Amino acid sequence: MPYEPKGYPRLASLMSHEKDVAIFRRFDELNLLSLLALQADIIDLEKDLHQEWHIEDILSQESRQEQSDRVLDVENFKQARESNSFQYQKINVLRHKLKEYNELALQVSQLNALEDPISSQLEALKDWLRDLNRKPFLTGYEAETWVEDRTNRYMCLKPPSAESDPFTRYTSNVLLDLYHHLVGQTVGTGQTLDTATGHTSYSSASISRVSNIITIILASILPVLSIYVLNQQSTVNQRIWVSAAFSAAFAFTIAVFSSARRVDIFLATAT
């Protein structure tokens, strides 16, 4: 009998096979709070350093020789390093704080670039967790990890497909679920990722292929259909309105069944 992992290892196994449910909390507030705390520390260190420079300027005017143990010539860092002066110690602390601050700022920026999961992806993960209610492994505050329904509170590690269009996304997230409940789970066309919960995955290549076939069929039917309908009209006004309706339908089809930009849609409908 093959080994079946439990708890978090089981969830990690699911996420590794089904990237759509590799969903994690963003912790935006905590990340920004850490960034603000580091910023406050750096500002304090900067003020202290400026005050030391100001004191140095005053002392250098009075007697640089008498205060040589305290004064730092900021243009000579070799001397400052060798004497391990107070200002050099401040610069060292400031350097480490700035490194930590800059790294965190870049990490937060990269996290913000990650896409939010769509509602159906989050719901799929919640369904899997609900199926484990008989033997829940999330307890205490951890049980609230994926309770929030707002998708902008999460990030999905699966990068968006370059050819992803509204219809393909609708097929993946709505029609596929309907297909699974009506046909897929009966004939077993998908890949079962979790035997206990029955969670099934379908090939994204197959979904994209079905979406492309439907798009090609529509693209070939619309021009012929428009000619046929126009030929049935008896007046010029009727033909104008029918042409306008088909132009709108054509633009709508491009917007839904492709990832075309607005300017591309305008160019296609204008020609």
Protein backbone atom coordinates (compact mmCIF):
# COMPACT_ATOMS: atom_id res chain seq x y z
CA MET A 1 0.00 0.00 0.00
CA PRO A 2 1.55 3.34 -1.06
CA TYR A 3 2.34 5.84 1.66
CA GLU A 4 -0.04 8.79 1.89
CA PRO A 5 1.33 11.87 3.66
CA LYS A 6 -0.73 13.67 6.26
CA GLY A 7 -1.15 17.28 7.27
CA TYR A 8 1.08 19.91 5.70
CA PRO A 9 3.14 17.36 3.69
CA ARG A 10 -0.14 16.24 2.09
CA LEU A 11 -1.10 19.83 1.29
CA ALA A 12 2.39 20.49 -0.12
CA SER A 13 2.05 17.42 -2.34
CA LEU A 14 -1.29 18.69 -3.65
CA MET A 15 0.15 22.16 -4.36
CA SER A 16 3.18 20.71 -6.14
CA HIS A 17 0.93 18.82 -8.57
CA GLU A 18 -1.83 21.42 -8.85
CA LYS A 19 -0.22 24.87 -9.01
CA ASP A 20 -3.64 26.55 -9.17
CA VAL A 21 -4.08 25.89 -5.45
CA ALA A 22 -0.55 26.97 -4.47
CA ILE A 23 -2.11 29.91 -2.62
CA PHE A 24 -0.49 31.71 0.29
CA ARG A 25 -1.28 34.68 2.51
CA ARG A 26 0.31 37.96 1.48
CA PHE A 27 0.73 39.44 4.98
CA ASP A 28 0.82 42.91 3.39
CA GLU A 29 0.21 44.69 6.67
CA LEU A 30 3.00 42.86 8.50
CA ASN A 31 5.47 43.33 5.64
CA LEU A 32 4.72 47.04 5.49
CA LEU A 33 4.91 47.30 9.28
CA SER A 34 8.39 45.75 9.20
CA LEU A 35 9.37 48.14 6.44
CA LEU A 36 8.09 51.12 8.44
CA ALA A 37 9.97 49.97 11.54
CA LEU A 38 13.23 49.70 9.60
CA GLN A 39 12.60 53.09 8.04
CA ALA A 40 12.12 54.64 11.50
CA ASP A 41 15.37 53.06 12.73
CA ILE A 42 17.28 54.38 9.71
CA ILE A 43 15.90 57.89 10.19
CA ASP A 44 17.06 57.88 13.83
CA LEU A 45 20.52 56.67 12.83
CA GLU A 46 20.69 59.27 10.08
CA LYS A 47 19.84 62.07 12.53
CA ASP A 48 22.46 60.83 15.00
CA LEU A 49 25.08 60.72 12.25
CA HIS A 50 24.25 64.24 11.11
CA GLN A 51 24.52 65.50 14.69
CA GLU A 52 27.95 63.90 15.00
CA TRP A 53 29.07 65.58 11.80
CA HIS A 54 27.81 68.89 13.14
CA ILE A 55 29.73 68.38 16.42
CA GLU A 56 32.82 67.52 14.42
CA ASP A 57 32.60 70.75 12.46
CA ILE A 58 32.36 72.76 15.70
CA LEU A 59 35.25 70.91 17.36
CA SER A 60 37.43 71.19 14.30
CA GLN A 61 37.05 74.94 14.41
CA GLU A 62 38.01 75.10 18.11
CA SER A 63 40.79 72.61 18.36
CA ARG A 64 41.15 69.53 16.17
CA GLN A 65 44.31 68.46 18.00
CA GLU A 66 42.74 68.53 21.47
CA GLN A 67 39.71 66.46 20.37
CA SER A 68 41.49 64.12 18.00
CA ASP A 69 40.10 61.04 19.77
CA ARG A 70 36.53 62.09 19.01
CA VAL A 71 36.79 63.92 15.71
CA LEU A 72 36.37 62.04 12.44
CA ASP A 73 37.51 63.46 9.16
CA VAL A 74 34.64 62.05 7.07
CA GLU A 75 36.81 62.22 3.97
CA ASN A 76 39.26 59.71 5.47
CA PHE A 77 37.45 56.43 6.12
CA LYS A 78 40.69 54.49 6.52
CA GLN A 79 41.54 56.53 9.60
CA ALA A 80 37.98 56.20 10.86
CA ARG A 81 38.06 52.43 10.44
CA GLU A 82 41.41 52.06 12.17
CA SER A 83 40.34 54.22 15.11
CA ASN A 84 36.89 52.59 15.20
CA SER A 85 35.42 56.02 15.81
CA PHE A 86 31.86 56.58 17.04
CA GLN A 87 30.77 57.88 13.64
CA TYR A 88 32.27 54.89 11.87
CA GLN A 89 30.36 52.57 14.21
CA LYS A 90 27.15 54.46 13.35
CA ILE A 91 27.86 54.09 9.63
CA ASN A 92 28.39 50.36 10.11
CA VAL A 93 25.05 49.95 11.89
CA LEU A 94 23.40 52.12 9.26
CA ARG A 95 24.87 50.00 6.47
CA HIS A 96 23.34 46.79 7.88
CA LYS A 97 19.99 48.48 8.47
CA LEU A 98 19.92 49.86 4.92
CA LYS A 99 20.76 46.42 3.51
CA GLU A 100 17.89 44.86 5.46
CA TYR A 101 15.55 47.70 4.49
CA ASN A 102 16.40 47.58 0.77
CA GLU A 103 16.13 43.79 0.60
CA LEU A 104 12.71 43.84 2.29
CA ALA A 105 11.49 46.66 0.00
CA LEU A 106 12.50 44.63 -3.07
CA GLN A 107 10.87 41.49 -1.68
CA VAL A 108 7.61 43.33 -0.99
CA SER A 109 7.71 44.76 -4.51
CA GLN A 110 8.21 41.28 -5.98
CA LEU A 111 5.38 39.88 -3.85
CA ASN A 112 3.07 42.63 -5.11
CA ALA A 113 3.87 41.53 -8.66
CA LEU A 114 2.45 38.06 -7.96
CA GLU A 115 -1.12 37.58 -9.17
CA ASP A 116 -4.06 37.23 -6.81
CA PRO A 117 -5.81 33.86 -7.08
CA ILE A 118 -9.21 33.95 -8.73
CA SER A 119 -12.23 33.01 -6.65
CA SER A 120 -12.58 29.52 -8.11
CA GLN A 121 -8.94 28.67 -7.30
CA LEU A 122 -9.38 29.77 -3.69
CA GLU A 123 -12.66 27.88 -3.47
CA ALA A 124 -10.98 24.72 -4.82
CA LEU A 125 -8.42 24.88 -2.02
CA LYS A 126 -11.14 25.47 0.56
CA ASP A 127 -13.12 22.51 -0.82
CA TRP A 128 -10.09 20.28 -0.37
CA LEU A 129 -9.63 21.49 3.20
CA ARG A 130 -13.34 21.00 3.92
CA ASP A 131 -13.10 17.42 2.66
CA LEU A 132 -10.57 16.80 5.45
CA ASN A 133 -12.94 17.98 8.18
CA ARG A 134 -13.26 14.44 9.49
CA LYS A 135 -9.55 14.54 10.34
CA PRO A 136 -8.56 18.23 10.31
CA PHE A 137 -4.87 19.01 10.65
CA LEU A 138 -5.25 22.79 10.93
CA THR A 139 -5.99 23.74 14.53
CA GLY A 140 -6.08 26.94 16.54
CA TYR A 141 -5.27 30.13 14.63
CA GLU A 142 -3.86 28.08 11.74
CA ALA A 143 -7.39 26.97 10.91
CA GLU A 144 -8.10 30.59 9.88
CA THR A 145 -5.30 30.69 7.28
CA TRP A 146 -7.61 30.42 4.27
CA VAL A 147 -10.88 31.57 5.87
CA GLU A 148 -10.78 35.07 4.32
CA ASP A 149 -12.80 35.25 1.08
CA ARG A 150 -11.11 38.35 -0.38
CA THR A 151 -8.68 37.11 -3.01
CA ASN A 152 -6.43 40.19 -2.69
CA ARG A 153 -5.37 38.85 0.71
CA TYR A 154 -3.60 35.95 -1.03
CA MET A 155 -1.01 35.33 -3.73
CA CYS A 156 -0.92 32.45 -6.19
CA LEU A 157 2.50 31.07 -7.13
CA LYS A 158 1.34 29.86 -10.53
CA PRO A 159 2.29 32.48 -13.13
CA PRO A 160 -0.54 33.57 -15.45
CA SER A 161 -0.52 31.93 -18.85
CA ALA A 162 0.74 34.12 -21.68
CA GLU A 163 -2.20 33.02 -23.84
CA SER A 164 -4.77 33.23 -21.09
CA ASP A 165 -7.96 34.89 -22.28
CA PRO A 166 -11.34 35.38 -20.54
CA PHE A 167 -12.94 32.38 -22.26
CA THR A 168 -10.07 30.03 -21.37
CA ARG A 169 -10.21 31.21 -17.77
CA TYR A 170 -13.99 30.71 -17.74
CA THR A 171 -13.53 27.23 -19.19
CA SER A 172 -10.90 26.35 -16.57
CA ASN A 173 -12.77 27.73 -13.59
CA VAL A 174 -16.48 27.24 -14.34
CA LEU A 175 -17.14 24.92 -17.27
CA LEU A 176 -14.46 22.47 -16.14
CA ASP A 177 -16.03 22.16 -12.71
CA LEU A 178 -19.41 21.50 -14.34
CA TYR A 179 -17.84 18.95 -16.70
CA HIS A 180 -16.15 17.17 -13.79
CA HIS A 181 -19.38 16.76 -11.82
CA LEU A 182 -21.44 15.68 -14.84
CA VAL A 183 -18.98 13.58 -16.83
CA GLY A 184 -15.37 13.66 -15.65
CA GLN A 185 -15.70 11.90 -12.32
CA THR A 186 -17.77 9.16 -13.95
CA VAL A 187 -15.49 8.35 -16.90
CA GLY A 188 -12.27 9.24 -15.05
CA THR A 189 -10.73 11.54 -17.65
CA GLY A 190 -8.77 13.63 -15.12
CA GLN A 191 -5.79 12.77 -12.93
CA THR A 192 -6.72 12.02 -9.32
CA LEU A 193 -4.28 13.87 -7.05
CA ASP A 194 -5.81 12.89 -3.71
CA THR A 195 -7.64 9.59 -3.41
CA ALA A 196 -9.13 10.47 -0.01
CA THR A 197 -10.81 13.67 -1.16
CA GLY A 198 -11.17 12.77 -4.85
CA HIS A 199 -9.43 15.97 -5.93
CA THR A 200 -8.87 15.73 -9.68
CA SER A 201 -6.66 17.71 -12.04
CA TYR A 202 -7.15 18.25 -15.76
CA SER A 203 -4.41 19.01 -18.28
CA SER A 204 -4.11 22.73 -18.97
CA ALA A 205 -2.94 21.85 -22.51
CA SER A 206 -6.20 19.97 -23.14
CA ILE A 207 -8.24 22.87 -21.76
CA SER A 208 -6.39 25.32 -23.99
CA ARG A 209 -6.90 23.01 -27.00
CA VAL A 210 -10.67 22.86 -26.42
CA SER A 211 -10.78 26.63 -26.04
CA ASN A 212 -8.82 27.08 -29.29
CA ILE A 213 -11.14 24.73 -31.20
CA ILE A 214 -14.22 26.66 -30.06
CA THR A 215 -12.52 29.96 -30.96
CA ILE A 216 -11.61 28.71 -34.48
CA ILE A 217 -15.16 27.47 -35.08
CA LEU A 218 -16.63 30.82 -34.05
CA ALA A 219 -14.10 32.71 -36.16
CA SER A 220 -15.09 30.71 -39.25
CA ILE A 221 -18.85 30.91 -38.64
CA LEU A 222 -19.24 34.65 -37.93
CA PRO A 223 -18.25 36.01 -41.39
CA VAL A 224 -20.47 33.52 -43.24
CA LEU A 225 -23.34 34.12 -40.83
CA SER A 226 -23.08 37.88 -41.27
CA ILE A 227 -23.24 37.54 -45.09
CA TYR A 228 -26.25 35.25 -44.84
CA VAL A 229 -28.15 37.56 -42.47
CA LEU A 230 -27.33 40.66 -44.56
CA ASN A 231 -28.60 38.91 -47.66
CA GLN A 232 -31.97 38.39 -45.95
CA GLN A 233 -32.49 42.12 -45.34
CA SER A 234 -34.59 44.05 -47.83
CA THR A 235 -33.64 47.67 -47.00
CA VAL A 236 -30.39 49.57 -46.66
CA ASN A 237 -31.22 50.71 -43.11
CA GLN A 238 -31.76 47.13 -42.00
CA ARG A 239 -28.43 46.11 -43.48
CA ILE A 240 -26.67 48.99 -41.70
CA TRP A 241 -28.11 47.95 -38.32
CA VAL A 242 -27.25 44.30 -38.97
CA SER A 243 -23.68 45.30 -39.91
CA ALA A 244 -23.39 47.33 -36.69
CA ALA A 245 -24.68 44.36 -34.66
CA PHE A 246 -22.19 41.96 -36.24
CA SER A 247 -19.33 44.44 -35.75
CA ALA A 248 -20.23 44.62 -32.05
CA ALA A 249 -20.46 40.81 -31.89
CA PHE A 250 -17.09 40.54 -33.63
CA ALA A 251 -15.45 42.96 -31.18
CA PHE A 252 -17.02 41.11 -28.23
CA THR A 253 -15.74 37.79 -29.58
CA ILE A 254 -12.20 39.14 -29.92
CA ALA A 255 -12.30 40.53 -26.37
CA VAL A 256 -13.60 37.30 -24.84
CA PHE A 257 -11.86 34.65 -26.93
CA SER A 258 -8.43 36.26 -27.20
CA SER A 259 -5.98 38.30 -25.14
CA ALA A 260 -6.03 41.17 -27.63
CA ARG A 261 -5.37 44.71 -26.46
CA ARG A 262 -7.94 47.48 -26.85
CA VAL A 263 -6.05 49.03 -29.76
CA ASP A 264 -6.05 45.65 -31.53
CA ILE A 265 -9.81 45.38 -31.12
CA PHE A 266 -10.32 48.88 -32.53
CA LEU A 267 -8.08 48.09 -35.52
CA ALA A 268 -9.85 44.79 -36.20
CA THR A 269 -13.35 46.29 -36.11
CA ALA A 270 -12.33 49.33 -38.19
CA THR A 271 -11.06 47.28 -41.12
